């Protein structure tokens, strides 16, 4: 005699009269999930932690990408001699200067455009790589 749970939550027993295709199934297969019931073994907590770590990992990856884009814009503005009086160019250059921290003046070629291309390009690559690695590590916390 198999037991199963109906949608109303009542437990019913199968008298075995319909011993056809369903008779060999486990009772857990016929259990209908009920709304509002807690899942066993902290599954809801694990799902919540998985969503939170996924969101945090995405945030880290997006932040690293945005920083790399700012550095790339700065490179473009310098290489193509953008108007330094333009407020957008000035703002991006100020942000890039702060974000490049120790990578500024890493190499000292004579041409300023080559120097900015190399130094800020390395900084952008490091941000992208580090952001992806950290995001991957955060996703493993599940």
Foldseek 3Di string as FASTA:
>chain_A
DAWEADQVGDIDDDPCPPVDPCVPDHRVVRYDDYPPDDDPPCPVVVVVLLVVLLVVLVVLLVVLLVLLVLLVVLLVCVLVVNDCVDPVNVVSVVSLVVQLPPLQPPDDDPDPSVSSCVSSVVSSVVSNVVSNVVSVVSSVPD
